[in-house]
């Protein structure tokens, strides 16, 4: 299977929730940022083949990348577009299960992306994080 192209979701104004979250995480906790970045790069390498404990299907085509640093769980929600494109929607810090509102937010971003892919993609490469 060819490598997966990872893209970051962007709002219509060009802002990217996941990039902002990662940049904030980088400022607050470099180790956690490194773990999350590593999961994104693993997604690029393995795509649909990525499984637990690194990734899991939540519901309705929304997946989570899973990282844990110390006692803190980091989740990065994403979805696939076609066979070899993964769109990273946003990241969260969680205690137990991913809150349903976060899955709904990812589903809404998926709908927006599918309606206008070129409008809802940030111009940054995961390697450049």
N, C-alpha and C. Protein backbone atom coordinates (compact mmCIF):
# COMPACT_ATOMS: atom_id res chain seq x y z
N UNK A 1 0.85 -1.18 0.00
CA UNK A 1 0.00 0.00 0.00
C UNK A 1 0.89 1.25 0.00
N UNK A 2 0.59 2.22 -0.85
CA UNK A 2 1.41 3.45 -0.88
C UNK A 2 1.24 4.25 0.39
N UNK A 3 2.22 5.12 0.69
CA UNK A 3 2.10 5.96 1.90
C UNK A 3 0.83 6.79 1.83
N UNK A 4 0.34 7.14 3.00
CA UNK A 4 -0.86 7.96 3.11
C UNK A 4 -0.45 9.43 3.15
N UNK A 5 -1.13 10.23 2.36
CA UNK A 5 -0.89 11.67 2.40
C UNK A 5 -1.70 12.25 3.56
N UNK A 6 -1.02 12.83 4.52
CA UNK A 6 -1.69 13.43 5.67
C UNK A 6 -1.86 14.92 5.41
N UNK A 7 -3.09 15.38 5.55
CA UNK A 7 -3.41 16.80 5.41
C UNK A 7 -4.04 17.28 6.71
N UNK A 8 -3.87 18.56 6.98
CA UNK A 8 -4.49 19.15 8.18
C UNK A 8 -5.72 19.95 7.77
N UNK A 9 -6.80 19.70 8.47
CA UNK A 9 -8.04 20.43 8.21
C UNK A 9 -7.84 21.91 8.51
N UNK A 10 -8.45 22.76 7.68
CA UNK A 10 -8.45 24.21 7.90
C UNK A 10 -9.87 24.73 7.76
N UNK A 11 -10.19 25.74 8.55
CA UNK A 11 -11.48 26.42 8.42
C UNK A 11 -11.45 27.28 7.15
N UNK A 12 -12.59 27.82 6.79
CA UNK A 12 -12.68 28.65 5.59
C UNK A 12 -11.76 29.86 5.63
N UNK A 13 -11.47 30.36 6.85
CA UNK A 13 -10.60 31.52 6.99
C UNK A 13 -9.11 31.15 6.95
N UNK A 14 -8.81 29.86 6.79
CA UNK A 14 -7.43 29.41 6.70
C UNK A 14 -6.84 28.94 8.00
N UNK A 15 -7.51 29.19 9.13
CA UNK A 15 -6.99 28.72 10.42
C UNK A 15 -7.17 27.21 10.54
N UNK A 16 -6.23 26.58 11.21
CA UNK A 16 -6.28 25.13 11.37
C UNK A 16 -6.32 24.78 12.86
N UNK A 17 -7.44 24.21 13.32
CA UNK A 17 -7.56 23.88 14.74
C UNK A 17 -6.47 22.92 15.22
N UNK A 18 -6.14 21.94 14.43
CA UNK A 18 -5.15 20.96 14.88
C UNK A 18 -3.74 21.54 14.89
N UNK A 19 -3.43 22.39 13.95
CA UNK A 19 -2.11 23.02 13.95
C UNK A 19 -1.98 23.96 15.15
N UNK A 20 -3.03 24.72 15.44
CA UNK A 20 -3.01 25.60 16.62
C UNK A 20 -2.85 24.77 17.89
N UNK A 21 -3.55 23.65 17.98
CA UNK A 21 -3.46 22.78 19.15
C UNK A 21 -2.05 22.22 19.29
N UNK A 22 -1.47 21.76 18.18
CA UNK A 22 -0.11 21.22 18.22
C UNK A 22 0.92 22.29 18.58
N UNK A 23 0.76 23.49 18.05
CA UNK A 23 1.70 24.57 18.38
C UNK A 23 1.62 24.92 19.87
N UNK A 24 0.41 24.95 20.41
CA UNK A 24 0.23 25.22 21.84
C UNK A 24 0.84 24.09 22.67
N UNK A 25 0.61 22.86 22.24
CA UNK A 25 1.17 21.71 22.94
C UNK A 25 2.70 21.75 22.91
N UNK A 26 3.25 22.15 21.78
CA UNK A 26 4.72 22.25 21.66
C UNK A 26 5.28 23.25 22.67
N UNK A 27 4.58 24.37 22.87
CA UNK A 27 5.02 25.38 23.84
C UNK A 27 4.90 24.87 25.28
N UNK A 28 3.83 24.11 25.57
CA UNK A 28 3.56 23.66 26.93
C UNK A 28 4.31 22.39 27.33
N UNK A 29 4.44 21.45 26.38
CA UNK A 29 4.99 20.13 26.72
C UNK A 29 5.64 19.52 25.49
N UNK A 30 6.92 19.72 25.36
CA UNK A 30 7.65 19.25 24.18
C UNK A 30 7.60 17.73 24.05
N UNK A 31 7.61 17.03 25.15
CA UNK A 31 7.54 15.57 25.09
C UNK A 31 6.19 15.09 24.54
N UNK A 32 5.11 15.69 24.99
CA UNK A 32 3.78 15.34 24.49
C UNK A 32 3.65 15.70 23.02
N UNK A 33 4.17 16.87 22.65
CA UNK A 33 4.16 17.26 21.24
C UNK A 33 4.90 16.22 20.39
N UNK A 34 6.06 15.78 20.85
CA UNK A 34 6.83 14.78 20.11
C UNK A 34 6.07 13.48 19.94
N UNK A 35 5.35 13.06 20.98
CA UNK A 35 4.56 11.83 20.91
C UNK A 35 3.43 11.97 19.91
N UNK A 36 2.75 13.11 19.91
CA UNK A 36 1.65 13.35 18.96
C UNK A 36 2.17 13.45 17.53
N UNK A 37 3.27 14.14 17.35
CA UNK A 37 3.87 14.25 16.02
C UNK A 37 4.27 12.87 15.50
N UNK A 38 4.82 12.04 16.36
CA UNK A 38 5.21 10.69 15.97
C UNK A 38 4.01 9.88 15.50
N UNK A 39 2.86 10.06 16.16
CA UNK A 39 1.65 9.34 15.75
C UNK A 39 1.18 9.82 14.37
N UNK A 40 1.28 11.11 14.12
CA UNK A 40 0.88 11.63 12.81
C UNK A 40 1.78 11.06 11.72
N UNK A 41 3.07 10.98 11.98
CA UNK A 41 4.00 10.41 11.01
C UNK A 41 3.75 8.91 10.82
N UNK A 42 3.34 8.23 11.88
CA UNK A 42 2.98 6.81 11.77
C UNK A 42 1.74 6.64 10.91
N UNK A 43 0.78 7.55 11.05
CA UNK A 43 -0.40 7.54 10.20
C UNK A 43 0.00 7.69 8.74
N UNK A 44 0.95 8.58 8.47
CA UNK A 44 1.42 8.76 7.09
C UNK A 44 2.05 7.48 6.55
N UNK A 45 2.76 6.77 7.39
CA UNK A 45 3.44 5.55 6.96
C UNK A 45 2.49 4.37 6.79
N UNK A 46 1.48 4.25 7.67
CA UNK A 46 0.65 3.05 7.68
C UNK A 46 -0.79 3.26 7.22
N UNK A 47 -1.30 4.48 7.28
CA UNK A 47 -2.65 4.77 6.81
C UNK A 47 -3.71 3.86 7.40
N UNK A 48 -4.49 3.23 6.52
CA UNK A 48 -5.60 2.36 6.95
C UNK A 48 -5.13 1.16 7.76
N UNK A 49 -3.88 0.81 7.67
CA UNK A 49 -3.36 -0.35 8.39
C UNK A 49 -3.04 -0.05 9.86
N UNK A 50 -3.07 1.20 10.25
CA UNK A 50 -2.74 1.60 11.62
C UNK A 50 -3.84 1.12 12.56
N UNK A 51 -3.46 0.43 13.62
CA UNK A 51 -4.40 -0.15 14.57
C UNK A 51 -4.02 0.18 16.01
N UNK A 52 -4.83 -0.33 16.95
CA UNK A 52 -4.54 -0.21 18.37
C UNK A 52 -3.17 -0.80 18.65
N UNK A 53 -2.42 -0.24 19.52
CA UNK A 53 -2.76 0.80 20.48
C UNK A 53 -2.55 2.21 19.95
N UNK A 54 -2.11 2.36 18.70
CA UNK A 54 -1.78 3.68 18.15
C UNK A 54 -2.98 4.44 17.60
N UNK A 55 -3.99 3.71 17.13
CA UNK A 55 -5.17 4.35 16.53
C UNK A 55 -6.38 3.47 16.78
N UNK A 56 -7.56 4.08 16.65
CA UNK A 56 -8.79 3.31 16.82
C UNK A 56 -9.92 4.03 16.09
N UNK A 57 -10.89 3.25 15.62
CA UNK A 57 -12.10 3.81 15.01
C UNK A 57 -13.04 4.21 16.13
N UNK A 58 -13.54 5.46 16.08
CA UNK A 58 -14.51 5.92 17.07
C UNK A 58 -15.92 5.60 16.58
N UNK A 59 -16.31 6.22 15.45
CA UNK A 59 -17.59 5.94 14.80
C UNK A 59 -17.73 6.77 13.53
N UNK A 60 -18.56 6.30 12.62
CA UNK A 60 -18.92 7.04 11.41
C UNK A 60 -17.71 7.56 10.63
N UNK A 61 -16.66 6.76 10.56
CA UNK A 61 -15.49 7.15 9.78
C UNK A 61 -14.54 8.09 10.49
N UNK A 62 -14.76 8.34 11.77
CA UNK A 62 -13.85 9.18 12.56
C UNK A 62 -12.95 8.27 13.38
N UNK A 63 -11.66 8.49 13.26
CA UNK A 63 -10.65 7.71 13.97
C UNK A 63 -9.92 8.60 14.96
N UNK A 64 -9.19 7.97 15.86
CA UNK A 64 -8.36 8.71 16.79
C UNK A 64 -6.94 8.16 16.77
N UNK A 65 -5.96 9.06 16.76
CA UNK A 65 -4.58 8.70 17.02
C UNK A 65 -4.43 8.80 18.53
N UNK A 66 -3.78 7.82 19.13
CA UNK A 66 -3.71 7.72 20.58
C UNK A 66 -2.28 7.88 21.07
N UNK A 67 -2.06 8.83 21.96
CA UNK A 67 -0.76 9.03 22.61
C UNK A 67 -0.99 9.22 24.10
N UNK A 68 -0.05 8.73 24.87
CA UNK A 68 -0.12 8.93 26.32
C UNK A 68 1.26 9.34 26.79
N UNK A 69 1.31 10.42 27.55
CA UNK A 69 2.56 10.89 28.14
C UNK A 69 2.29 11.07 29.63
N UNK A 70 2.95 10.27 30.43
CA UNK A 70 2.66 10.27 31.86
C UNK A 70 1.25 9.78 32.07
N UNK A 71 0.45 10.56 32.77
CA UNK A 71 -0.94 10.17 33.02
C UNK A 71 -1.92 10.88 32.11
N UNK A 72 -1.42 11.60 31.11
CA UNK A 72 -2.28 12.39 30.23
C UNK A 72 -2.45 11.68 28.89
N UNK A 73 -3.71 11.57 28.47
CA UNK A 73 -4.04 10.97 27.18
C UNK A 73 -4.28 12.07 26.15
N UNK A 74 -3.61 11.95 25.02
CA UNK A 74 -3.79 12.90 23.91
C UNK A 74 -4.44 12.15 22.76
N UNK A 75 -5.44 12.78 22.15
CA UNK A 75 -6.12 12.17 21.03
C UNK A 75 -6.16 13.16 19.88
N UNK A 76 -5.90 12.65 18.69
CA UNK A 76 -5.96 13.46 17.48
C UNK A 76 -6.99 12.79 16.58
N UNK A 77 -8.07 13.49 16.29
CA UNK A 77 -9.14 12.93 15.49
C UNK A 77 -8.88 13.17 14.01
N UNK A 78 -9.19 12.14 13.21
CA UNK A 78 -8.95 12.23 11.77
C UNK A 78 -9.95 11.37 11.02
N UNK A 79 -9.96 11.55 9.71
CA UNK A 79 -10.82 10.75 8.83
C UNK A 79 -10.09 10.56 7.51
N UNK A 80 -10.57 9.63 6.72
CA UNK A 80 -9.96 9.36 5.43
C UNK A 80 -10.80 9.97 4.31
N UNK A 81 -10.11 10.40 3.28
CA UNK A 81 -10.73 10.90 2.06
C UNK A 81 -10.11 10.09 0.93
N UNK A 82 -10.90 9.22 0.34
CA UNK A 82 -10.35 8.33 -0.68
C UNK A 82 -9.48 7.26 -0.03
N UNK A 83 -8.64 6.64 -0.82
CA UNK A 83 -7.83 5.52 -0.33
C UNK A 83 -6.59 5.96 0.43
N UNK A 84 -5.94 7.03 0.01
CA UNK A 84 -4.62 7.34 0.55
C UNK A 84 -4.48 8.76 1.08
N UNK A 85 -5.57 9.37 1.51
CA UNK A 85 -5.50 10.71 2.10
C UNK A 85 -6.18 10.66 3.46
N UNK A 86 -5.46 11.10 4.49
CA UNK A 86 -6.02 11.21 5.83
C UNK A 86 -6.06 12.68 6.20
N UNK A 87 -7.19 13.13 6.71
CA UNK A 87 -7.37 14.52 7.11
C UNK A 87 -7.39 14.57 8.63
N UNK A 88 -6.44 15.28 9.21
CA UNK A 88 -6.37 15.42 10.66
C UNK A 88 -7.25 16.61 11.04
N UNK A 89 -8.31 16.33 11.81
CA UNK A 89 -9.32 17.35 12.11
C UNK A 89 -8.97 18.21 13.31
N UNK A 90 -8.66 17.60 14.44
CA UNK A 90 -8.30 18.36 15.64
C UNK A 90 -7.78 17.44 16.72
N UNK A 91 -7.19 18.05 17.75
CA UNK A 91 -6.63 17.30 18.86
C UNK A 91 -7.27 17.68 20.17
N UNK A 92 -7.26 16.74 21.11
CA UNK A 92 -7.82 16.97 22.43
C UNK A 92 -6.97 16.27 23.49
N UNK A 93 -7.10 16.73 24.70
CA UNK A 93 -6.55 16.05 25.86
C UNK A 93 -7.75 15.47 26.58
N UNK A 94 -7.68 14.20 26.96
CA UNK A 94 -8.87 13.58 27.55
C UNK A 94 -8.52 12.76 28.77
N UNK A 95 -9.55 12.45 29.56
CA UNK A 95 -9.37 11.60 30.73
C UNK A 95 -9.88 10.19 30.46
N UNK A 96 -11.06 10.06 29.93
CA UNK A 96 -11.64 8.73 29.66
C UNK A 96 -11.97 8.63 28.18
N UNK A 97 -13.23 8.47 27.86
CA UNK A 97 -13.66 8.34 26.47
C UNK A 97 -13.66 9.71 25.78
N UNK A 98 -13.50 9.70 24.46
CA UNK A 98 -13.58 10.93 23.68
C UNK A 98 -15.02 11.44 23.79
N UNK A 99 -15.21 12.68 24.22
CA UNK A 99 -16.56 13.22 24.36
C UNK A 99 -17.31 13.21 23.02
N UNK A 100 -18.61 12.85 23.04
CA UNK A 100 -19.40 12.82 21.81
C UNK A 100 -19.36 14.15 21.04
N UNK A 101 -19.29 15.28 21.74
CA UNK A 101 -19.27 16.58 21.05
C UNK A 101 -18.01 16.73 20.19
N UNK A 102 -16.90 16.11 20.62
CA UNK A 102 -15.66 16.16 19.84
C UNK A 102 -15.78 15.31 18.58
N UNK A 103 -16.46 14.18 18.68
CA UNK A 103 -16.70 13.35 17.50
C UNK A 103 -17.62 14.09 16.54
N UNK A 104 -18.65 14.74 17.07
CA UNK A 104 -19.56 15.53 16.23
C UNK A 104 -18.81 16.66 15.52
N UNK A 105 -17.90 17.30 16.24
CA UNK A 105 -17.09 18.37 15.64
C UNK A 105 -16.26 17.81 14.48
N UNK A 106 -15.66 16.64 14.67
CA UNK A 106 -14.88 16.01 13.61
C UNK A 106 -15.76 15.62 12.43
N UNK A 107 -16.97 15.13 12.71
CA UNK A 107 -17.90 14.79 11.62
C UNK A 107 -18.30 16.02 10.82
N UNK A 108 -18.52 17.14 11.50
CA UNK A 108 -18.86 18.38 10.79
C UNK A 108 -17.68 18.83 9.92
N UNK A 109 -16.48 18.71 10.42
CA UNK A 109 -15.31 19.08 9.63
C UNK A 109 -15.15 18.15 8.44
N UNK A 110 -15.48 16.89 8.63
CA UNK A 110 -15.43 15.93 7.52
C UNK A 110 -16.43 16.34 6.43
N UNK A 111 -17.64 16.71 6.83
CA UNK A 111 -18.66 17.15 5.86
C UNK A 111 -18.17 18.39 5.09
N UNK A 112 -17.63 19.36 5.81
CA UNK A 112 -17.13 20.58 5.15
C UNK A 112 -16.01 20.25 4.18
N UNK A 113 -15.09 19.40 4.61
CA UNK A 113 -13.96 19.04 3.74
C UNK A 113 -14.47 18.34 2.48
N UNK A 114 -15.39 17.42 2.62
CA UNK A 114 -15.90 16.68 1.46
C UNK A 114 -16.63 17.60 0.48
N UNK A 115 -17.24 18.68 0.97
CA UNK A 115 -17.94 19.63 0.10
C UNK A 115 -16.97 20.52 -0.66
N UNK A 116 -15.83 20.85 -0.05
CA UNK A 116 -14.87 21.76 -0.69
C UNK A 116 -13.45 21.43 -0.21
N UNK A 117 -12.87 20.34 -0.71
CA UNK A 117 -11.55 19.91 -0.23
C UNK A 117 -10.46 20.98 -0.32
N UNK A 118 -10.40 21.72 -1.40
CA UNK A 118 -9.32 22.70 -1.55
C UNK A 118 -9.47 23.88 -0.59
N UNK A 119 -10.68 24.14 -0.13
CA UNK A 119 -10.92 25.23 0.82
C UNK A 119 -10.53 24.86 2.24
N UNK A 120 -10.61 23.57 2.56
CA UNK A 120 -10.45 23.13 3.94
C UNK A 120 -9.19 22.31 4.18
N UNK A 121 -8.09 22.74 3.62
CA UNK A 121 -6.82 22.06 3.86
C UNK A 121 -5.75 23.11 4.13
N UNK A 122 -5.00 22.89 5.21
CA UNK A 122 -3.91 23.82 5.57
C UNK A 122 -2.70 23.53 4.71
N UNK A 123 -1.90 24.54 4.50
CA UNK A 123 -0.72 24.39 3.64
C UNK A 123 0.52 24.12 4.47
N UNK A 124 0.50 23.03 5.23
CA UNK A 124 1.67 22.63 6.00
C UNK A 124 1.81 21.11 5.88
N UNK A 125 3.01 20.67 5.78
CA UNK A 125 3.33 19.26 5.67
C UNK A 125 3.60 18.72 7.07
N UNK A 126 3.10 17.52 7.40
CA UNK A 126 3.35 16.96 8.73
C UNK A 126 4.84 16.87 9.07
N UNK A 127 5.69 16.69 8.10
CA UNK A 127 7.13 16.61 8.33
C UNK A 127 7.66 17.95 8.86
N UNK A 128 6.96 19.05 8.56
CA UNK A 128 7.42 20.38 8.91
C UNK A 128 6.97 20.85 10.29
N UNK A 129 6.27 20.01 11.02
CA UNK A 129 5.80 20.40 12.35
C UNK A 129 6.96 20.60 13.29
